[in-house]
Amino acid sequence: MEGIEKIELKDIKIANQLDLRIKLLGISELKNNHLFETVHPCLVSKKSYIGNVNGVMNAVILQGKPVGESVLQGEGAGPGPTSSSLLSDLLSILRGNIKKPFGVSVSKLKSLKPYNVNNYVNSLYLRFEVKDKPGVLSELTNRLAKYKISIKRLIQTPDKKNNKATIVIITHRTTDINIHNCLYIFKKNKNILKTPTLIRLLS
C-alpha cells in the first residue's frame, strides 16, 4: 500500500508532458484463482475514463466476463456523500444485515489465497535526481539492464546552474521484486542525490 506523499509537482508536470495523469488507485483482481490487492499511485492516459475522474468524484470500474466493463461513479467527499454512507451503515445495522455485507452469509464466501505481490508486473515511471557528470546515465541504464529491465523511453533534463540533472525512465513491463532489488542497489550510488521516485503505469 502506497500513498501520494512521494509525488512531487515535478512528477505531475512530467506526466502532463507524456499525456498522462497521476491517480491513486485501489486494484483488486483474481489472478490464477489467487486474490491480488494493492493501493498505489498510477500513471493513466488522459484519454482514459479513470484519467478524467476529478475533484471529489470517485469511480469503481468492474471488469467481468462476458459482461465487459461496468462503471460506478459518484462523489466521495462532502457533507452529502458522508452522511449518506453513515446513515446507510446505521440502517444496515438496525435491520440486522451487518453479517451479510456481501449479500450472502460470510460462511458461504469462498476462501482465496493471496497472490504473491512480488510477481506483480507493470511498466514503470522512474525519476532520478543525479549529479550532472559523464557516465551517470550509463550507470543507470547498465544497472537496469543487469536486472533485465528494458527502457521504453528516456527523458534527461539538465540543471546546469546546480550541476544536477533529472532523468526520467519509462520501462517495459517488469516484476515488482525485480525493480525493488534494482532500486536497492541505487541507494549506494553517490551520484544519485535522492531516493528515486517510482510510479506504476496502469496496464
Protein backbone atom coordinates (compact mmCIF):
# COMPACT_ATOMS: atom_id res chain seq x y z
CA MET A 1 0.00 0.00 0.00
CA GLU A 2 1.39 3.39 -1.04
CA GLY A 3 0.01 6.90 -0.73
CA ILE A 4 0.77 10.06 -2.68
CA GLU A 5 3.30 11.55 -0.24
CA LYS A 6 6.24 10.84 -2.58
CA ILE A 7 4.61 12.50 -5.59
CA GLU A 8 6.08 15.93 -6.36
CA LEU A 9 4.92 18.79 -8.59
CA LYS A 10 7.74 17.82 -10.96
CA ASP A 11 6.13 14.39 -11.49
CA ILE A 12 2.75 15.95 -12.25
CA LYS A 13 4.34 18.27 -14.85
CA ILE A 14 6.31 15.43 -16.48
CA ALA A 15 3.19 13.23 -16.56
CA ASN A 16 1.34 16.06 -18.31
CA GLN A 17 4.11 16.24 -20.96
CA LEU A 18 3.67 12.49 -21.52
CA ASP A 19 -0.13 12.94 -21.95
CA LEU A 20 -0.69 11.11 -18.65
CA ARG A 21 -2.24 11.85 -15.26
CA ILE A 22 -1.41 10.51 -11.79
CA LYS A 23 -4.30 8.83 -9.97
CA LEU A 24 -4.36 6.99 -6.64
CA LEU A 25 -5.91 3.61 -7.44
CA GLY A 26 -7.07 0.63 -5.43
CA ILE A 27 -6.81 -2.53 -7.53
CA SER A 28 -8.39 -5.89 -6.72
CA GLU A 29 -8.03 -8.76 -9.15
CA LEU A 30 -8.24 -12.52 -9.40
CA LYS A 31 -5.00 -13.96 -10.81
CA ASN A 32 -4.91 -17.73 -11.29
CA ASN A 33 -7.58 -18.09 -8.59
CA HIS A 34 -5.47 -16.04 -6.15
CA LEU A 35 -6.57 -12.67 -4.75
CA PHE A 36 -4.37 -9.72 -5.66
CA GLU A 37 -4.99 -6.38 -3.93
CA THR A 38 -2.94 -3.19 -3.94
CA VAL A 39 -3.26 0.57 -3.46
CA HIS A 40 -0.77 2.93 -5.08
CA PRO A 41 -0.45 5.93 -7.44
CA CYS A 42 -0.69 5.06 -11.13
CA LEU A 43 0.01 6.91 -14.36
CA VAL A 44 -3.05 6.70 -16.60
CA SER A 45 -3.83 8.09 -20.03
CA LYS A 46 -5.61 11.46 -20.18
CA LYS A 47 -7.95 9.84 -22.70
CA SER A 48 -9.00 7.01 -20.36
CA TYR A 49 -12.17 7.06 -18.25
CA ILE A 50 -10.26 6.86 -14.96
CA GLY A 51 -7.98 9.67 -16.15
CA ASN A 52 -10.97 12.02 -16.23
CA VAL A 53 -12.40 11.32 -12.77
CA ASN A 54 -11.54 14.57 -10.98
CA GLY A 55 -12.28 16.65 -7.89
CA VAL A 56 -14.27 14.87 -5.17
CA MET A 57 -15.51 12.26 -7.62
CA ASN A 58 -14.66 8.59 -7.09
CA ALA A 59 -15.12 5.77 -9.57
CA VAL A 60 -15.24 1.99 -9.40
CA ILE A 61 -14.53 0.15 -12.64
CA LEU A 62 -15.52 -3.53 -12.76
CA GLN A 63 -14.22 -5.87 -15.44
CA GLY A 64 -16.20 -9.06 -15.87
CA LYS A 65 -16.74 -11.92 -18.31
CA PRO A 66 -18.68 -11.79 -20.55
CA VAL A 67 -20.28 -8.52 -19.41
CA GLY A 68 -17.15 -6.43 -20.03
CA GLU A 69 -16.58 -3.12 -18.26
CA SER A 70 -19.08 -1.52 -15.84
CA VAL A 71 -18.56 1.86 -14.15
CA LEU A 72 -19.96 3.29 -10.90
CA GLN A 73 -19.17 6.95 -10.20
CA GLY A 74 -20.15 9.42 -7.51
CA GLU A 75 -18.93 11.96 -5.00
CA GLY A 76 -16.59 10.56 -2.38
CA ALA A 77 -16.34 13.60 -0.10
CA GLY A 78 -18.51 16.36 1.32
CA PRO A 79 -21.47 16.51 3.74
CA GLY A 80 -23.97 14.76 1.43
CA PRO A 81 -21.93 11.66 0.49
CA THR A 82 -20.53 11.26 4.04
CA SER A 83 -23.92 11.48 5.78
CA SER A 84 -25.43 9.14 3.16
CA SER A 85 -22.76 6.48 3.82
CA LEU A 86 -23.10 6.86 7.58
CA LEU A 87 -26.90 6.51 7.51
CA SER A 88 -26.66 3.55 5.16
CA ASP A 89 -24.37 1.73 7.61
CA LEU A 90 -26.59 2.58 10.60
CA LEU A 91 -29.73 1.37 8.81
CA SER A 92 -27.94 -1.83 7.81
CA ILE A 93 -27.06 -2.47 11.47
CA LEU A 94 -30.62 -1.72 12.63
CA ARG A 95 -32.02 -4.13 10.04
CA GLY A 96 -29.67 -6.86 11.21
CA ASN A 97 -27.87 -7.06 7.86
CA ILE A 98 -24.43 -6.46 9.34
CA LYS A 99 -23.48 -10.14 9.00
CA LYS A 100 -24.08 -10.10 5.25
CA PRO A 101 -22.09 -7.17 3.84
CA PHE A 102 -21.68 -9.02 0.53
CA GLY A 103 -25.31 -10.06 0.19
CA VAL A 104 -24.64 -13.62 1.40
CA SER A 105 -23.58 -15.15 4.67
CA VAL A 106 -19.87 -14.85 5.45
CA SER A 107 -19.78 -18.62 6.00
CA LYS A 108 -20.70 -19.13 2.33
CA LEU A 109 -17.94 -16.90 0.95
CA LYS A 110 -15.14 -18.66 -0.87
CA SER A 111 -11.70 -18.54 0.74
CA LEU A 112 -8.93 -17.35 -1.59
CA LYS A 113 -5.17 -17.49 -1.19
CA PRO A 114 -3.27 -14.21 -1.62
CA TYR A 115 -1.37 -13.58 -4.83
CA ASN A 116 2.40 -13.20 -4.44
CA VAL A 117 2.85 -9.43 -4.93
CA ASN A 118 6.50 -9.95 -5.92
CA ASN A 119 5.17 -11.32 -9.21
CA TYR A 120 3.09 -8.17 -9.89
CA VAL A 121 4.03 -6.96 -13.39
CA ASN A 122 3.91 -3.35 -14.60
CA SER A 123 5.58 -0.76 -16.75
CA LEU A 124 7.20 1.87 -14.55
CA TYR A 125 7.99 5.56 -14.39
CA LEU A 126 11.33 6.11 -12.63
CA ARG A 127 12.63 9.59 -11.82
CA PHE A 128 16.25 10.03 -10.77
CA GLU A 129 17.84 13.21 -9.44
CA VAL A 130 21.56 12.86 -10.21
CA LYS A 131 24.83 14.71 -10.43
CA ASP A 132 25.31 16.13 -13.92
CA LYS A 133 28.55 14.42 -14.85
CA PRO A 134 29.75 11.99 -17.54
CA GLY A 135 28.96 8.32 -17.01
CA VAL A 136 25.97 8.69 -14.67
CA LEU A 137 23.38 7.85 -17.30
CA SER A 138 25.29 4.75 -18.40
CA GLU A 139 25.47 3.65 -14.74
CA LEU A 140 21.68 3.77 -14.55
CA THR A 141 20.99 2.02 -17.84
CA ASN A 142 23.62 -0.69 -17.21
CA ARG A 143 22.17 -1.43 -13.79
CA LEU A 144 18.65 -1.68 -15.23
CA ALA A 145 19.95 -3.98 -17.98
CA LYS A 146 21.58 -6.22 -15.37
CA TYR A 147 18.15 -6.77 -13.83
CA LYS A 148 16.62 -7.33 -17.29
CA ILE A 149 14.61 -4.11 -17.11
CA SER A 150 14.34 -2.67 -20.60
CA ILE A 151 13.84 1.03 -21.33
CA LYS A 152 10.89 2.21 -23.40
CA ARG A 153 11.52 5.95 -23.13
CA LEU A 154 14.11 8.24 -21.55
CA ILE A 155 13.97 11.96 -20.79
CA GLN A 156 17.00 13.84 -19.46
CA THR A 157 16.67 17.43 -18.21
CA PRO A 158 19.91 19.14 -17.09
CA ASP A 159 20.06 21.78 -14.36
CA LYS A 160 23.36 23.47 -15.25
CA LYS A 161 23.02 26.08 -12.51
CA ASN A 162 23.06 23.46 -9.75
CA ASN A 163 25.18 20.90 -11.61
CA LYS A 164 22.32 18.38 -11.43
CA ALA A 165 20.03 16.56 -13.84
CA THR A 166 16.63 14.91 -13.78
CA ILE A 167 16.44 11.60 -15.61
CA VAL A 168 13.02 10.03 -16.23
CA ILE A 169 12.89 6.46 -17.49
CA ILE A 170 9.73 4.69 -18.67
CA THR A 171 10.34 0.94 -18.61
CA HIS A 172 8.76 -2.02 -20.33
CA ARG A 173 6.87 -4.43 -18.09
CA THR A 174 8.82 -5.97 -15.21
CA THR A 175 8.09 -7.61 -11.85
CA ASP A 176 7.89 -5.72 -8.56
CA ILE A 177 10.64 -7.81 -6.95
CA ASN A 178 12.93 -7.13 -9.91
CA ILE A 179 12.63 -3.36 -9.72
CA HIS A 180 12.85 -3.20 -5.92
CA ASN A 181 16.06 -5.25 -5.93
CA CYS A 182 17.45 -2.96 -8.60
CA LEU A 183 16.48 0.27 -6.79
CA TYR A 184 18.04 -1.04 -3.57
CA ILE A 185 21.41 -1.11 -5.32
CA PHE A 186 20.93 2.51 -6.45
CA LYS A 187 20.82 3.60 -2.78
CA LYS A 188 24.57 3.01 -2.59
CA ASN A 189 25.30 5.17 -5.65
CA LYS A 190 26.70 8.56 -4.59
CA ASN A 191 25.84 10.09 -7.97
CA ILE A 192 22.12 9.67 -7.19
CA LEU A 193 21.12 12.59 -4.96
CA LYS A 194 17.86 11.24 -3.53
CA THR A 195 15.73 8.11 -3.45
CA PRO A 196 14.32 7.52 -6.96
CA THR A 197 10.61 8.13 -7.47
CA LEU A 198 8.65 5.14 -8.75
CA ILE A 199 5.15 5.32 -10.20
CA ARG A 200 3.50 2.37 -11.91
CA LEU A 201 1.72 2.70 -15.24
CA LEU A 202 -1.77 1.26 -15.38
CA SER A 203 -1.58 -1.64 -17.81
